[in-house]
Amino acid sequence: MKISFVCIVLFLTSCTFDTHVSGVVIDEKTGLPVKEVLVRTIKDLNGRELEFAETKSSIDGHFDLKFSTKSARDNEVSVELSKPGYQTNIYTCHHESTNDTLVLRRQ
């Protein structure tokens, strides 16, 4: 019985859960999509380990960031957005979110 419990605990602690965040990046002033914005994972809300992942927004401002997390219970992740000429911003997004609109402000 004790060995089974230890095996289950080891299995659950070694699991990773695939997830993603997607949305669109827009310019604060114009409301227009911003292309080639670097979007990358920073941490989950509880500071738990995330797989580092990054992507760039497309010509229409859309991005889809896929990554793994150690906990399926965490539902928020911090992502960093950066692009030359804009202020770097950190946003909190929900895992599996597909309609986030993230706003960048020009420097």
PDB file of N, CA and C in Angstrom:
ATOM      1  N   MET A   1       0.837  -1.194   0.000  1.00  0.00           N
ATOM      2  CA  MET A   1       0.000   0.000   0.000  1.00  0.00           C
ATOM      3  C   MET A   1       0.875   1.248   0.000  1.00  0.00           C
ATOM      4  N   LYS A   2       1.897   1.262   0.846  1.00  0.00           N
ATOM      5  CA  LYS A   2       2.778   2.416   0.948  1.00  0.00           C
ATOM      6  C   LYS A   2       3.532   2.660  -0.361  1.00  0.00           C
ATOM      7  N   ILE A   3       3.975   1.594  -1.010  1.00  0.00           N
ATOM      8  CA  ILE A   3       4.688   1.714  -2.275  1.00  0.00           C
ATOM      9  C   ILE A   3       3.779   2.288  -3.351  1.00  0.00           C
ATOM     10  N   SER A   4       2.518   1.865  -3.391  1.00  0.00           N
ATOM     11  CA  SER A   4       1.559   2.390  -4.373  1.00  0.00           C
ATOM     12  C   SER A   4       1.371   3.891  -4.193  1.00  0.00           C
ATOM     13  N   PHE A   5       1.230   4.306  -2.943  1.00  0.00           N
ATOM     14  CA  PHE A   5       1.046   5.728  -2.659  1.00  0.00           C
ATOM     15  C   PHE A   5       2.251   6.541  -3.130  1.00  0.00           C
ATOM     16  N   VAL A   6       3.457   6.055  -2.847  1.00  0.00           N
ATOM     17  CA  VAL A   6       4.681   6.735  -3.261  1.00  0.00           C
ATOM     18  C   VAL A   6       4.751   6.822  -4.787  1.00  0.00           C
ATOM     19  N   CYS A   7       4.397   5.749  -5.475  1.00  0.00           N
ATOM     20  CA  CYS A   7       4.412   5.755  -6.946  1.00  0.00           C
ATOM     21  C   CYS A   7       3.427   6.764  -7.509  1.00  0.00           C
ATOM     22  N   ILE A   8       2.245   6.846  -6.923  1.00  0.00           N
ATOM     23  CA  ILE A   8       1.238   7.809  -7.393  1.00  0.00           C
ATOM     24  C   ILE A   8       1.728   9.230  -7.175  1.00  0.00           C
ATOM     25  N   VAL A   9       2.283   9.518  -6.021  1.00  0.00           N
ATOM     26  CA  VAL A   9       2.801  10.857  -5.727  1.00  0.00           C
ATOM     27  C   VAL A   9       3.919  11.218  -6.699  1.00  0.00           C
ATOM     28  N   LEU A  10       4.844  10.296  -6.939  1.00  0.00           N
ATOM     29  CA  LEU A  10       5.934  10.562  -7.880  1.00  0.00           C
ATOM     30  C   LEU A  10       5.406  10.801  -9.285  1.00  0.00           C
ATOM     31  N   PHE A  11       4.404  10.028  -9.691  1.00  0.00           N
ATOM     32  CA  PHE A  11       3.818  10.206 -11.012  1.00  0.00           C
ATOM     33  C   PHE A  11       3.180  11.592 -11.144  1.00  0.00           C
ATOM     34  N   LEU A  12       2.400  11.985 -10.158  1.00  0.00           N
ATOM     35  CA  LEU A  12       1.708  13.277 -10.226  1.00  0.00           C
ATOM     36  C   LEU A  12       2.671  14.455 -10.159  1.00  0.00           C
ATOM     37  N   THR A  13       3.743  14.332  -9.412  1.00  0.00           N
ATOM     38  CA  THR A  13       4.688  15.444  -9.314  1.00  0.00           C
ATOM     39  C   THR A  13       5.552  15.563 -10.554  1.00  0.00           C
ATOM     40  N   SER A  14       5.642  14.508 -11.342  1.00  0.00           N
ATOM     41  CA  SER A  14       6.449  14.575 -12.557  1.00  0.00           C
ATOM     42  C   SER A  14       5.620  14.945 -13.783  1.00  0.00           C
ATOM     43  N   CYS A  15       4.324  15.064 -13.639  1.00  0.00           N
ATOM     44  CA  CYS A  15       3.451  15.379 -14.768  1.00  0.00           C
ATOM     45  C   CYS A  15       3.575  16.844 -15.162  1.00  0.00           C
ATOM     46  N   THR A  16       3.445  17.071 -16.439  1.00  0.00           N
ATOM     47  CA  THR A  16       3.292  18.434 -16.923  1.00  0.00           C
ATOM     48  C   THR A  16       2.000  18.492 -17.711  1.00  0.00           C
ATOM     49  N   PHE A  17       1.409  19.658 -17.751  1.00  0.00           N
ATOM     50  CA  PHE A  17       0.132  19.838 -18.405  1.00  0.00           C
ATOM     51  C   PHE A  17       0.295  20.870 -19.513  1.00  0.00           C
ATOM     52  N   ASP A  18      -0.012  20.462 -20.734  1.00  0.00           N
ATOM     53  CA  ASP A  18       0.080  21.368 -21.870  1.00  0.00           C
ATOM     54  C   ASP A  18      -1.095  22.328 -21.863  1.00  0.00           C
ATOM     55  N   THR A  19      -0.810  23.577 -22.156  1.00  0.00           N
ATOM     56  CA  THR A  19      -1.843  24.607 -22.184  1.00  0.00           C
ATOM     57  C   THR A  19      -1.422  25.686 -23.172  1.00  0.00           C
ATOM     58  N   HIS A  20      -2.261  26.678 -23.336  1.00  0.00           N
ATOM     59  CA  HIS A  20      -1.903  27.793 -24.208  1.00  0.00           C
ATOM     60  C   HIS A  20      -2.703  29.034 -23.861  1.00  0.00           C
ATOM     61  N   VAL A  21      -2.189  30.147 -24.307  1.00  0.00           N
ATOM     62  CA  VAL A  21      -2.840  31.446 -24.192  1.00  0.00           C
ATOM     63  C   VAL A  21      -2.777  32.053 -25.576  1.00  0.00           C
ATOM     64  N   SER A  22      -3.877  32.603 -26.035  1.00  0.00           N
ATOM     65  CA  SER A  22      -3.854  33.260 -27.335  1.00  0.00           C
ATOM     66  C   SER A  22      -4.716  34.506 -27.285  1.00  0.00           C
ATOM     67  N   GLY A  23      -4.498  35.376 -28.237  1.00  0.00           N
ATOM     68  CA  GLY A  23      -5.255  36.621 -28.294  1.00  0.00           C
ATOM     69  C   GLY A  23      -4.693  37.536 -29.354  1.00  0.00           C
ATOM     70  N   VAL A  24      -4.869  38.829 -29.131  1.00  0.00           N
ATOM     71  CA  VAL A  24      -4.415  39.831 -30.091  1.00  0.00           C
ATOM     72  C   VAL A  24      -3.753  40.973 -29.331  1.00  0.00           C
ATOM     73  N   VAL A  25      -2.700  41.538 -29.926  1.00  0.00           N
ATOM     74  CA  VAL A  25      -1.999  42.680 -29.346  1.00  0.00           C
ATOM     75  C   VAL A  25      -2.372  43.911 -30.165  1.00  0.00           C
ATOM     76  N   ILE A  26      -2.808  44.981 -29.456  1.00  0.00           N
ATOM     77  CA  ILE A  26      -3.179  46.216 -30.153  1.00  0.00           C
ATOM     78  C   ILE A  26      -2.402  47.398 -29.589  1.00  0.00           C
ATOM     79  N   ASP A  27      -2.295  48.436 -30.404  1.00  0.00           N
ATOM     80  CA  ASP A  27      -1.670  49.700 -30.015  1.00  0.00           C
ATOM     81  C   ASP A  27      -2.665  50.480 -29.171  1.00  0.00           C
ATOM     82  N   GLU A  28      -2.224  50.987 -28.019  1.00  0.00           N
ATOM     83  CA  GLU A  28      -3.109  51.707 -27.106  1.00  0.00           C
ATOM     84  C   GLU A  28      -3.755  52.931 -27.762  1.00  0.00           C
ATOM     85  N   LYS A  29      -2.984  53.678 -28.516  1.00  0.00           N
ATOM     86  CA  LYS A  29      -3.470  54.935 -29.085  1.00  0.00           C
ATOM     87  C   LYS A  29      -4.366  54.730 -30.305  1.00  0.00           C
ATOM     88  N   THR A  30      -3.948  53.852 -31.208  1.00  0.00           N
ATOM     89  CA  THR A  30      -4.681  53.689 -32.477  1.00  0.00           C
ATOM     90  C   THR A  30      -5.719  52.581 -32.425  1.00  0.00           C
ATOM     91  N   GLY A  31      -5.540  51.616 -31.514  1.00  0.00           N
ATOM     92  CA  GLY A  31      -6.441  50.464 -31.465  1.00  0.00           C
ATOM     93  C   GLY A  31      -6.179  49.454 -32.569  1.00  0.00           C
ATOM     94  N   LEU A  32      -5.106  49.664 -33.332  1.00  0.00           N
ATOM     95  CA  LEU A  32      -4.764  48.773 -34.439  1.00  0.00           C
ATOM     96  C   LEU A  32      -3.883  47.630 -33.957  1.00  0.00           C
ATOM     97  N   PRO A  33      -3.944  46.481 -34.650  1.00  0.00           N
ATOM     98  CA  PRO A  33      -3.091  45.349 -34.282  1.00  0.00           C
ATOM     99  C   PRO A  33      -1.610  45.699 -34.430  1.00  0.00           C
ATOM    100  N   VAL A  34      -0.786  45.090 -33.569  1.00  0.00           N
ATOM    101  CA  VAL A  34       0.658  45.302 -33.621  1.00  0.00           C
ATOM    102  C   VAL A  34       1.318  43.974 -33.978  1.00  0.00           C
ATOM    103  N   LYS A  35       2.077  43.969 -35.074  1.00  0.00           N
ATOM    104  CA  LYS A  35       2.747  42.737 -35.501  1.00  0.00           C
ATOM    105  C   LYS A  35       4.128  42.627 -34.874  1.00  0.00           C
ATOM    106  N   GLU A  36       4.635  41.407 -34.861  1.00  0.00           N
ATOM    107  CA  GLU A  36       5.977  41.072 -34.390  1.00  0.00           C
ATOM    108  C   GLU A  36       6.265  41.494 -32.951  1.00  0.00           C
ATOM    109  N   VAL A  37       5.249  41.408 -32.107  1.00  0.00           N
ATOM    110  CA  VAL A  37       5.440  41.628 -30.670  1.00  0.00           C
ATOM    111  C   VAL A  37       5.914  40.313 -30.067  1.00  0.00           C
ATOM    112  N   LEU A  38       6.987  40.350 -29.289  1.00  0.00           N
ATOM    113  CA  LEU A  38       7.492  39.158 -28.611  1.00  0.00           C
ATOM    114  C   LEU A  38       6.618  38.892 -27.388  1.00  0.00           C
ATOM    115  N   VAL A  39       6.004  37.723 -27.343  1.00  0.00           N
ATOM    116  CA  VAL A  39       5.148  37.305 -26.228  1.00  0.00           C
ATOM    117  C   VAL A  39       5.798  36.072 -25.618  1.00  0.00           C
ATOM    118  N   ARG A  40       6.084  36.121 -24.307  1.00  0.00           N
ATOM    119  CA  ARG A  40       6.739  34.964 -23.681  1.00  0.00           C
ATOM    120  C   ARG A  40       6.240  34.740 -22.262  1.00  0.00           C
ATOM    121  N   THR A  41       6.336  33.489 -21.829  1.00  0.00           N
ATOM    122  CA  THR A  41       5.903  33.124 -20.486  1.00  0.00           C
ATOM    123  C   THR A  41       6.879  33.693 -19.463  1.00  0.00           C
ATOM    124  N   ILE A  42       6.341  34.090 -18.330  1.00  0.00           N
ATOM    125  CA  ILE A  42       7.158  34.573 -17.214  1.00  0.00           C
ATOM    126  C   ILE A  42       7.006  33.614 -16.038  1.00  0.00           C
ATOM    127  N   LYS A  43       5.776  33.435 -15.532  1.00  0.00           N
ATOM    128  CA  LYS A  43       5.506  32.548 -14.393  1.00  0.00           C
ATOM    129  C   LYS A  43       4.007  32.363 -14.269  1.00  0.00           C
ATOM    130  N   ASP A  44       3.607  31.357 -13.501  1.00  0.00           N
ATOM    131  CA  ASP A  44       2.184  31.250 -13.199  1.00  0.00           C
ATOM    132  C   ASP A  44       1.906  32.123 -11.978  1.00  0.00           C
ATOM    133  N   LEU A  45       0.659  32.292 -11.658  1.00  0.00           N
ATOM    134  CA  LEU A  45       0.264  33.217 -10.601  1.00  0.00           C
ATOM    135  C   LEU A  45       0.885  32.866  -9.252  1.00  0.00           C
ATOM    136  N   ASN A  46       1.120  31.573  -9.006  1.00  0.00           N
ATOM    137  CA  ASN A  46       1.687  31.133  -7.733  1.00  0.00           C
ATOM    138  C   ASN A  46       3.197  30.973  -7.784  1.00  0.00           C
ATOM    139  N   GLY A  47       3.829  31.415  -8.872  1.00  0.00           N
ATOM    140  CA  GLY A  47       5.273  31.325  -8.996  1.00  0.00           C
ATOM    141  C   GLY A  47       5.768  29.922  -9.292  1.00  0.00           C
ATOM    142  N   ARG A  48       4.872  29.031  -9.694  1.00  0.00           N
ATOM    143  CA  ARG A  48       5.277  27.654 -10.008  1.00  0.00           C
ATOM    144  C   ARG A  48       5.993  27.599 -11.351  1.00  0.00           C
ATOM    145  N   GLU A  49       6.687  26.512 -11.536  1.00  0.00           N
ATOM    146  CA  GLU A  49       7.515  26.323 -12.718  1.00  0.00           C
ATOM    147  C   GLU A  49       6.675  26.221 -13.997  1.00  0.00           C
ATOM    148  N   LEU A  50       7.090  26.971 -14.995  1.00  0.00           N
ATOM    149  CA  LEU A  50       6.493  26.910 -16.332  1.00  0.00           C
ATOM    150  C   LEU A  50       7.580  26.598 -17.331  1.00  0.00           C
ATOM    151  N   GLU A  51       7.196  25.947 -18.386  1.00  0.00           N
ATOM    152  CA  GLU A  51       8.120  25.793 -19.497  1.00  0.00           C
ATOM    153  C   GLU A  51       8.279  27.163 -20.149  1.00  0.00           C
ATOM    154  N   PHE A  52       9.532  27.566 -20.434  1.00  0.00           N
ATOM    155  CA  PHE A  52       9.745  28.833 -21.120  1.00  0.00           C
ATOM    156  C   PHE A  52       9.256  28.681 -22.559  1.00  0.00           C
ATOM    157  N   ALA A  53       8.452  29.617 -22.991  1.00  0.00           N
ATOM    158  CA  ALA A  53       7.954  29.600 -24.366  1.00  0.00           C
ATOM    159  C   ALA A  53       7.826  31.033 -24.841  1.00  0.00           C
ATOM    160  N   GLU A  54       8.021  31.222 -26.144  1.00  0.00           N
ATOM    161  CA  GLU A  54       7.829  32.542 -26.711  1.00  0.00           C
ATOM    162  C   GLU A  54       7.351  32.425 -28.144  1.00  0.00           C
ATOM    163  N   THR A  55       6.695  33.473 -28.595  1.00  0.00           N
ATOM    164  CA  THR A  55       6.204  33.552 -29.955  1.00  0.00           C
ATOM    165  C   THR A  55       6.141  35.023 -30.330  1.00  0.00           C
ATOM    166  N   LYS A  56       5.856  35.306 -31.578  1.00  0.00           N
ATOM    167  CA  LYS A  56       5.645  36.687 -32.019  1.00  0.00           C
ATOM    168  C   LYS A  56       4.252  36.811 -32.592  1.00  0.00           C
ATOM    169  N   SER A  57       3.667  37.987 -32.418  1.00  0.00           N
ATOM    170  CA  SER A  57       2.337  38.226 -32.970  1.00  0.00           C
ATOM    171  C   SER A  57       2.429  38.320 -34.494  1.00  0.00           C
ATOM    172  N   SER A  58       1.365  37.896 -35.146  1.00  0.00           N
ATOM    173  CA  SER A  58       1.310  37.896 -36.608  1.00  0.00           C
ATOM    174  C   SER A  58       0.992  39.300 -37.127  1.00  0.00           C
ATOM    175  N   ILE A  59       0.889  39.429 -38.431  1.00  0.00           N
ATOM    176  CA  ILE A  59       0.616  40.724 -39.054  1.00  0.00           C
ATOM    177  C   ILE A  59      -0.703  41.328 -38.575  1.00  0.00           C
ATOM    178  N   ASP A  60      -1.650  40.466 -38.168  1.00  0.00           N
ATOM    179  CA  ASP A  60      -2.932  40.976 -37.660  1.00  0.00           C
ATOM    180  C   ASP A  60      -2.968  41.023 -36.132  1.00  0.00           C
ATOM    181  N   GLY A  61      -1.780  40.934 -35.482  1.00  0.00           N
ATOM    182  CA  GLY A  61      -1.662  41.080 -34.035  1.00  0.00           C
ATOM    183  C   GLY A  61      -1.945  39.828 -33.227  1.00  0.00           C
ATOM    184  N   HIS A  62      -2.366  38.743 -33.876  1.00  0.00           N
ATOM    185  CA  HIS A  62      -2.707  37.521 -33.148  1.00  0.00           C
ATOM    186  C   HIS A  62      -1.460  36.753 -32.711  1.00  0.00           C
ATOM    187  N   PHE A  63      -1.596  36.087 -31.566  1.00  0.00           N
ATOM    188  CA  PHE A  63      -0.527  35.235 -31.062  1.00  0.00           C
ATOM    189  C   PHE A  63      -1.147  33.985 -30.444  1.00  0.00           C
ATOM    190  N   ASP A  64      -0.398  32.911 -30.420  1.00  0.00           N
ATOM    191  CA  ASP A  64      -0.798  31.662 -29.770  1.00  0.00           C
ATOM    192  C   ASP A  64       0.435  31.116 -29.081  1.00  0.00           C
ATOM    193  N   LEU A  65       0.447  31.176 -27.769  1.00  0.00           N
ATOM    194  CA  LEU A  65       1.602  30.787 -26.966  1.00  0.00           C
ATOM    195  C   LEU A  65       1.306  29.456 -26.291  1.00  0.00           C
ATOM    196  N   LYS A  66       2.041  28.417 -26.676  1.00  0.00           N
ATOM    197  CA  LYS A  66       1.850  27.078 -26.112  1.00  0.00           C
ATOM    198  C   LYS A  66       2.992  26.772 -25.152  1.00  0.00           C
ATOM    199  N   PHE A  67       2.640  26.199 -23.990  1.00  0.00           N
ATOM    200  CA  PHE A  67       3.645  25.903 -22.977  1.00  0.00           C
ATOM    201  C   PHE A  67       3.132  24.823 -22.044  1.00  0.00           C
ATOM    202  N   SER A  68       3.989  24.365 -21.147  1.00  0.00           N
ATOM    203  CA  SER A  68       3.624  23.350 -20.157  1.00  0.00           C
ATOM    204  C   SER A  68       3.752  23.947 -18.769  1.00  0.00           C
ATOM    205  N   THR A  69       2.909  23.470 -17.865  1.00  0.00           N
ATOM    206  CA  THR A  69       2.953  23.882 -16.477  1.00  0.00           C
ATOM    207  C   THR A  69       2.935  22.637 -15.600  1.00  0.00           C
ATOM    208  N   LYS A  70       3.424  22.764 -14.385  1.00  0.00           N
ATOM    209  CA  LYS A  70       3.481  21.626 -13.464  1.00  0.00           C
ATOM    210  C   LYS A  70       2.151  21.376 -12.763  1.00  0.00           C
ATOM    211  N   SER A  71       1.218  22.320 -12.834  1.00  0.00           N
ATOM    212  CA  SER A  71      -0.033  22.176 -12.103  1.00  0.00           C
ATOM    213  C   SER A  71      -1.225  22.483 -13.002  1.00  0.00           C
ATOM    214  N   ALA A  72      -2.167  21.573 -13.058  1.00  0.00           N
ATOM    215  CA  ALA A  72      -3.388  21.792 -13.844  1.00  0.00           C
ATOM    216  C   ALA A  72      -4.348  22.726 -13.105  1.00  0.00           C
ATOM    217  N   ARG A  73      -4.121  22.920 -11.807  1.00  0.00           N
ATOM    218  CA  ARG A  73      -5.030  23.752 -11.018  1.00  0.00           C
ATOM    219  C   ARG A  73      -4.792  25.241 -11.213  1.00  0.00           C
ATOM    220  N   ASP A  74      -3.592  25.616 -11.583  1.00  0.00           N
ATOM    221  CA  ASP A  74      -3.307  27.034 -11.784  1.00  0.00           C
ATOM    222  C   ASP A  74      -3.982  27.480 -13.068  1.00  0.00           C
ATOM    223  N   ASN A  75      -4.708  28.577 -12.990  1.00  0.00           N
ATOM    224  CA  ASN A  75      -5.417  29.006 -14.184  1.00  0.00           C
ATOM    225  C   ASN A  75      -4.963  30.365 -14.693  1.00  0.00           C
ATOM    226  N   GLU A  76      -3.894  30.897 -14.130  1.00  0.00           N
ATOM    227  CA  GLU A  76      -3.395  32.178 -14.606  1.00  0.00           C
ATOM    228  C   GLU A  76      -1.883  32.120 -14.790  1.00  0.00           C
ATOM    229  N   VAL A  77      -1.414  32.857 -15.779  1.00  0.00           N
ATOM    230  CA  VAL A  77       0.009  32.902 -16.084  1.00  0.00           C
ATOM    231  C   VAL A  77       0.368  34.335 -16.458  1.00  0.00           C
ATOM    232  N   SER A  78       1.564  34.766 -16.080  1.00  0.00           N
ATOM    233  CA  SER A  78       2.047  36.084 -16.473  1.00  0.00           C
ATOM    234  C   SER A  78       2.854  35.951 -17.756  1.00  0.00           C
ATOM    235  N   VAL A  79       2.560  36.829 -18.706  1.00  0.00           N
ATOM    236  CA  VAL A  79       3.308  36.864 -19.962  1.00  0.00           C
ATOM    237  C   VAL A  79       3.876  38.259 -20.151  1.00  0.00           C
ATOM    238  N   GLU A  80       5.037  38.305 -20.781  1.00  0.00           N
ATOM    239  CA  GLU A  80       5.696  39.575 -21.051  1.00  0.00           C
ATOM    240  C   GLU A  80       5.574  39.878 -22.537  1.00  0.00           C
ATOM    241  N   LEU A  81       5.221  41.129 -22.848  1.00  0.00           N
ATOM    242  CA  LEU A  81       5.135  41.595 -24.228  1.00  0.00           C
ATOM    243  C   LEU A  81       6.191  42.657 -24.437  1.00  0.00           C
ATOM    244  N   SER A  82       6.953  42.531 -25.517  1.00  0.00           N
ATOM    245  CA  SER A  82       7.967  43.546 -25.801  1.00  0.00           C
ATOM    246  C   SER A  82       8.124  43.724 -27.303  1.00  0.00           C
ATOM    247  N   LYS A  83       8.419  44.958 -27.664  1.00  0.00           N
ATOM    248  CA  LYS A  83       8.696  45.326 -29.052  1.00  0.00           C
ATOM    249  C   LYS A  83       9.399  46.675 -29.021  1.00  0.00           C
ATOM    250  N   PRO A  84      10.447  46.831 -29.847  1.00  0.00           N
ATOM    251  CA  PRO A  84      11.125  48.131 -29.901  1.00  0.00           C
ATOM    252  C   PRO A  84      10.127  49.248 -30.224  1.00  0.00           C
ATOM    253  N   GLY A  85      10.262  50.363 -29.499  1.00  0.00           N
ATOM    254  CA  GLY A  85       9.368  51.499 -29.689  1.00  0.00           C
ATOM    255  C   GLY A  85       8.156  51.476 -28.773  1.00  0.00           C
ATOM    256  N   TYR A  86       7.975  50.366 -28.047  1.00  0.00           N
ATOM    257  CA  TYR A  86       6.856  50.215 -27.116  1.00  0.00           C
ATOM    258  C   TYR A  86       7.385  49.910 -25.717  1.00  0.00           C
ATOM    259  N   GLN A  87       6.592  50.256 -24.715  1.00  0.00           N
ATOM    260  CA  GLN A  87       6.935  49.892 -23.344  1.00  0.00           C
ATOM    261  C   GLN A  87       6.734  48.390 -23.172  1.00  0.00           C
ATOM    262  N   THR A  88       7.637  47.742 -22.447  1.00  0.00           N
ATOM    263  CA  THR A  88       7.472  46.321 -22.133  1.00  0.00           C
ATOM    264  C   THR A  88       6.385  46.204 -21.071  1.00  0.00           C
ATOM    265  N   ASN A  89       5.432  45.313 -21.299  1.00  0.00           N
ATOM    266  CA  ASN A  89       4.317  45.123 -20.370  1.00  0.00           C
ATOM    267  C   ASN A  89       4.244  43.677 -19.921  1.00  0.00           C
ATOM    268  N   ILE A  90       3.749  43.473 -18.716  1.00  0.00           N
ATOM    269  CA  ILE A  90       3.466  42.140 -18.207  1.00  0.00           C
ATOM    270  C   ILE A  90       1.969  42.058 -17.948  1.00  0.00           C
ATOM    271  N   TYR A  91       1.357  41.010 -18.491  1.00  0.00           N
ATOM    272  CA  TYR A  91      -0.075  40.786 -18.334  1.00  0.00           C
ATOM    273  C   TYR A  91      -0.317  39.451 -17.669  1.00  0.00           C
ATOM    274  N   THR A  92      -1.421  39.359 -16.940  1.00  0.00           N
ATOM    275  CA  THR A  92      -1.867  38.093 -16.384  1.00  0.00           C
ATOM    276  C   THR A  92      -2.997  37.585 -17.269  1.00  0.00           C
ATOM    277  N   CYS A  93      -2.819  36.369 -17.789  1.00  0.00           N
ATOM    278  CA  CYS A  93      -3.800  35.761 -18.682  1.00  0.00           C
ATOM    279  C   CYS A  93      -4.278  34.441 -18.085  1.00  0.00           C
ATOM    280  N   HIS A  94      -5.461  34.030 -18.456  1.00  0.00           N
ATOM    281  CA  HIS A  94      -5.990  32.734 -18.034  1.00  0.00           C
ATOM    282  C   HIS A  94      -5.514  31.653 -18.993  1.00  0.00           C
ATOM    283  N   HIS A  95      -5.123  30.497 -18.437  1.00  0.00           N
ATOM    284  CA  HIS A  95      -4.764  29.350 -19.278  1.00  0.00           C
ATOM    285  C   HIS A  95      -5.953  29.034 -20.170  1.00  0.00           C
ATOM    286  N   GLU A  96      -5.669  28.570 -21.340  1.00  0.00           N
ATOM    287  CA  GLU A  96      -6.670  28.178 -22.325  1.00  0.00           C
ATOM    288  C   GLU A  96      -7.514  29.358 -22.792  1.00  0.00           C
ATOM    289  N   SER A  97      -7.083  30.568 -22.493  1.00  0.00           N
ATOM    290  CA  SER A  97      -7.795  31.751 -22.955  1.00  0.00           C
ATOM    291  C   SER A  97      -7.531  31.948 -24.442  1.00  0.00           C
ATOM    292  N   THR A  98      -8.571  32.260 -25.187  1.00  0.00           N
ATOM    293  CA  THR A  98      -8.415  32.412 -26.636  1.00  0.00           C
ATOM    294  C   THR A  98      -8.851  33.770 -27.146  1.00  0.00           C
ATOM    295  N   ASN A  99      -9.201  34.681 -26.258  1.00  0.00           N
ATOM    296  CA  ASN A  99      -9.687  35.972 -26.742  1.00  0.00           C
ATOM    297  C   ASN A  99      -9.134  37.165 -25.966  1.00  0.00           C
ATOM    298  N   ASP A 100      -7.965  37.019 -25.385  1.00  0.00           N
ATOM    299  CA  ASP A 100      -7.359  38.141 -24.657  1.00  0.00           C
ATOM    300  C   ASP A 100      -6.950  39.228 -25.632  1.00  0.00           C
ATOM    301  N   THR A 101      -7.230  40.477 -25.274  1.00  0.00           N
ATOM    302  CA  THR A 101      -6.729  41.627 -26.020  1.00  0.00           C
ATOM    303  C   THR A 101      -5.716  42.321 -25.127  1.00  0.00           C
ATOM    304  N   LEU A 102      -4.467  42.335 -25.568  1.00  0.00           N
ATOM    305  CA  LEU A 102      -3.384  42.933 -24.794  1.00  0.00           C
ATOM    306  C   LEU A 102      -2.956  44.237 -25.463  1.00  0.00           C
ATOM    307  N   VAL A 103      -2.786  45.265 -24.659  1.00  0.00           N
ATOM    308  CA  VAL A 103      -2.548  46.613 -25.179  1.00  0.00           C
ATOM    309  C   VAL A 103      -1.106  47.026 -24.930  1.00  0.00           C
ATOM    310  N   LEU A 104      -0.466  47.581 -25.966  1.00  0.00           N
ATOM    311  CA  LEU A 104       0.887  48.116 -25.844  1.00  0.00           C
ATOM    312  C   LEU A 104       0.853  49.627 -25.983  1.00  0.00           C
ATOM    313  N   ARG A 105       1.675  50.289 -25.169  1.00  0.00           N
ATOM    314  CA  ARG A 105       1.782  51.753 -25.188  1.00  0.00           C
ATOM    315  C   ARG A 105       3.128  52.123 -25.799  1.00  0.00           C
ATOM    316  N   ARG A 106       3.094  53.073 -26.723  1.00  0.00           N
ATOM    317  CA  ARG A 106       4.340  53.544 -27.341  1.00  0.00           C
ATOM    318  C   ARG A 106       5.194  54.283 -26.315  1.00  0.00           C
ATOM    319  N   GLN A 107       6.515  54.230 -26.502  1.00  0.00           N
ATOM    320  CA  GLN A 107       7.420  54.930 -25.585  1.00  0.00           C
ATOM    321  C   GLN A 107       7.396  56.417 -25.847  1.00  0.00           C
TER     322      GLN A 107
END
